[in-house]
């Protein structure tokens, strides 16, 4: 049972920026096909909501990060700093981020997209859901 003396719940009006949450479900068993199917709605959401604002797209693994400016856990400190500074200064409008970095990322964004809520567990060879704490951290 949670201790109510150490648990806080803030009203949405306390947020510095209004949060609008949209969830779109994709029910496909083949993970690679699902990511391809998600790409078009992601592109449409970006065009519709963030034409002149920075945005972040969280992806399930760094294999989905090819060919764009991105942050992932294997980047060295210097390269990560360069990407973060360019994004913060407005030199990059989009930052693609591996979900493994969500607890160490301190970038602000007008739009955040989570491309998938599942990750591949190499030990069990299964796709598992992200914990709700990770999802809440992403949208915070």
Protein backbone atom coordinates (compact mmCIF):
# COMPACT_ATOMS: atom_id res chain seq x y z
CA UNK A 1 0.00 0.00 0.00
CA UNK A 2 1.26 3.49 -0.88
CA UNK A 3 2.03 6.00 1.82
CA UNK A 4 -0.24 8.99 1.14
CA UNK A 5 2.13 11.31 3.04
CA UNK A 6 4.81 10.85 0.38
CA UNK A 7 2.62 10.62 -2.73
CA UNK A 8 1.68 13.74 -4.66
CA UNK A 9 -0.87 14.20 -7.43
CA UNK A 10 -0.89 17.50 -9.28
CA UNK A 11 -3.81 18.79 -11.34
CA UNK A 12 -3.19 19.12 -15.11
CA UNK A 13 -3.60 22.91 -14.78
CA UNK A 14 -0.31 23.01 -12.83
CA UNK A 15 1.68 21.89 -15.92
CA UNK A 16 3.72 24.66 -17.60
CA UNK A 17 2.31 23.55 -20.97
CA UNK A 18 -1.08 22.01 -21.66
CA UNK A 19 -0.94 18.27 -22.32
CA UNK A 20 -3.10 16.78 -25.02
CA UNK A 21 -2.85 13.00 -25.30
CA UNK A 22 -3.80 10.98 -28.39
CA UNK A 23 -3.50 7.20 -28.49
CA UNK A 24 -3.67 5.18 -31.69
CA UNK A 25 -3.62 1.39 -31.49
CA UNK A 26 -2.02 -0.91 -34.04
CA UNK A 27 -2.85 -4.59 -33.70
CA UNK A 28 -0.23 -6.43 -35.75
CA UNK A 29 1.69 -9.50 -34.67
CA UNK A 30 4.73 -8.91 -36.91
CA UNK A 31 6.73 -6.19 -35.16
CA UNK A 32 8.63 -4.89 -38.22
CA UNK A 33 5.37 -4.56 -40.18
CA UNK A 34 3.81 -2.73 -37.27
CA UNK A 35 6.62 -0.14 -37.20
CA UNK A 36 6.20 0.42 -40.94
CA UNK A 37 2.44 0.86 -40.46
CA UNK A 38 3.05 3.35 -37.63
CA UNK A 39 5.43 5.50 -39.72
CA UNK A 40 2.72 7.13 -41.87
CA UNK A 41 0.49 8.25 -38.96
CA UNK A 42 3.62 9.55 -37.20
CA UNK A 43 4.52 11.62 -40.26
CA UNK A 44 0.93 12.92 -40.51
CA UNK A 45 0.87 13.84 -36.80
CA UNK A 46 4.12 15.75 -37.18
CA UNK A 47 2.81 17.69 -40.19
CA UNK A 48 -0.50 18.41 -38.48
CA UNK A 49 0.78 19.43 -35.04
CA UNK A 50 4.35 20.60 -35.18
CA UNK A 51 5.11 22.49 -38.37
CA UNK A 52 7.36 25.10 -36.72
CA UNK A 53 7.95 23.53 -33.32
CA UNK A 54 10.54 21.01 -32.15
CA UNK A 55 9.39 17.47 -31.50
CA UNK A 56 10.71 14.18 -30.18
CA UNK A 57 9.94 10.69 -31.47
CA UNK A 58 10.70 7.81 -29.12
CA UNK A 59 11.45 4.54 -30.92
CA UNK A 60 11.72 1.04 -29.44
CA UNK A 61 15.34 0.42 -30.48
CA UNK A 62 18.25 2.07 -32.22
CA UNK A 63 17.66 -0.04 -35.35
CA UNK A 64 14.79 2.34 -36.17
CA UNK A 65 17.16 5.32 -36.03
CA UNK A 66 18.95 5.07 -39.36
CA UNK A 67 19.50 8.18 -41.49
CA UNK A 68 18.36 10.97 -39.13
CA UNK A 69 19.67 12.97 -36.17
CA UNK A 70 19.17 10.74 -33.18
CA UNK A 71 20.10 9.98 -29.61
CA UNK A 72 20.74 6.46 -28.40
CA UNK A 73 22.56 4.83 -25.52
CA UNK A 74 25.66 3.94 -27.59
CA UNK A 75 26.51 7.54 -28.54
CA UNK A 76 29.65 8.90 -26.93
CA UNK A 77 29.26 11.91 -24.61
CA UNK A 78 30.62 14.43 -27.13
CA UNK A 79 28.23 13.39 -29.93
CA UNK A 80 25.28 13.30 -27.53
CA UNK A 81 26.11 16.82 -26.33
CA UNK A 82 26.33 18.09 -29.93
CA UNK A 83 22.91 16.65 -30.85
CA UNK A 84 21.29 17.98 -27.64
CA UNK A 85 22.79 21.46 -28.11
CA UNK A 86 21.71 21.63 -31.76
CA UNK A 87 18.18 20.57 -30.80
CA UNK A 88 17.98 23.04 -27.89
CA UNK A 89 19.31 25.90 -30.06
CA UNK A 90 16.74 25.19 -32.79
CA UNK A 91 19.25 23.79 -35.27
CA UNK A 92 17.34 20.50 -35.33
CA UNK A 93 13.57 20.36 -35.45
CA UNK A 94 13.34 16.63 -34.85
CA UNK A 95 15.14 14.40 -32.41
CA UNK A 96 14.67 10.65 -32.68
CA UNK A 97 15.41 9.02 -29.33
CA UNK A 98 15.86 5.42 -28.26
CA UNK A 99 13.48 4.61 -25.40
CA UNK A 100 16.45 3.32 -23.42
CA UNK A 101 17.40 6.99 -22.89
CA UNK A 102 14.10 8.26 -21.55
CA UNK A 103 15.27 8.58 -17.93
CA UNK A 104 18.42 10.53 -18.88
CA UNK A 105 16.93 12.89 -21.48
CA UNK A 106 16.24 16.51 -20.53
CA UNK A 107 14.93 18.06 -23.75
CA UNK A 108 11.72 20.03 -24.05
CA UNK A 109 9.37 19.51 -26.96
CA UNK A 110 6.09 20.76 -28.39
CA UNK A 111 5.20 17.28 -29.63
CA UNK A 112 6.28 13.86 -28.36
CA UNK A 113 5.49 10.66 -30.26
CA UNK A 114 5.97 7.15 -28.91
CA UNK A 115 6.28 4.88 -31.95
CA UNK A 116 5.70 1.68 -30.02
CA UNK A 117 4.93 0.69 -26.45
CA UNK A 118 6.71 -2.66 -26.75
CA UNK A 119 10.39 -3.53 -26.71
CA UNK A 120 12.26 -6.67 -27.66
CA UNK A 121 13.58 -8.67 -24.71
CA UNK A 122 16.64 -10.49 -26.09
CA UNK A 123 16.91 -12.79 -23.11
CA UNK A 124 13.38 -14.22 -23.45
CA UNK A 125 13.02 -13.55 -27.21
CA UNK A 126 9.68 -11.81 -26.64
CA UNK A 127 8.13 -8.38 -27.11
CA UNK A 128 7.17 -6.88 -23.76
CA UNK A 129 5.19 -3.76 -22.87
CA UNK A 130 7.04 -0.80 -21.41
CA UNK A 131 6.22 -0.22 -17.75
CA UNK A 132 3.60 2.48 -17.23
CA UNK A 133 6.24 4.51 -15.34
CA UNK A 134 8.29 4.72 -18.56
CA UNK A 135 5.27 5.89 -20.59
CA UNK A 136 4.44 8.54 -17.97
CA UNK A 137 8.08 9.72 -17.98
CA UNK A 138 7.96 10.14 -21.77
CA UNK A 139 4.81 12.26 -21.77
CA UNK A 140 5.82 14.36 -18.77
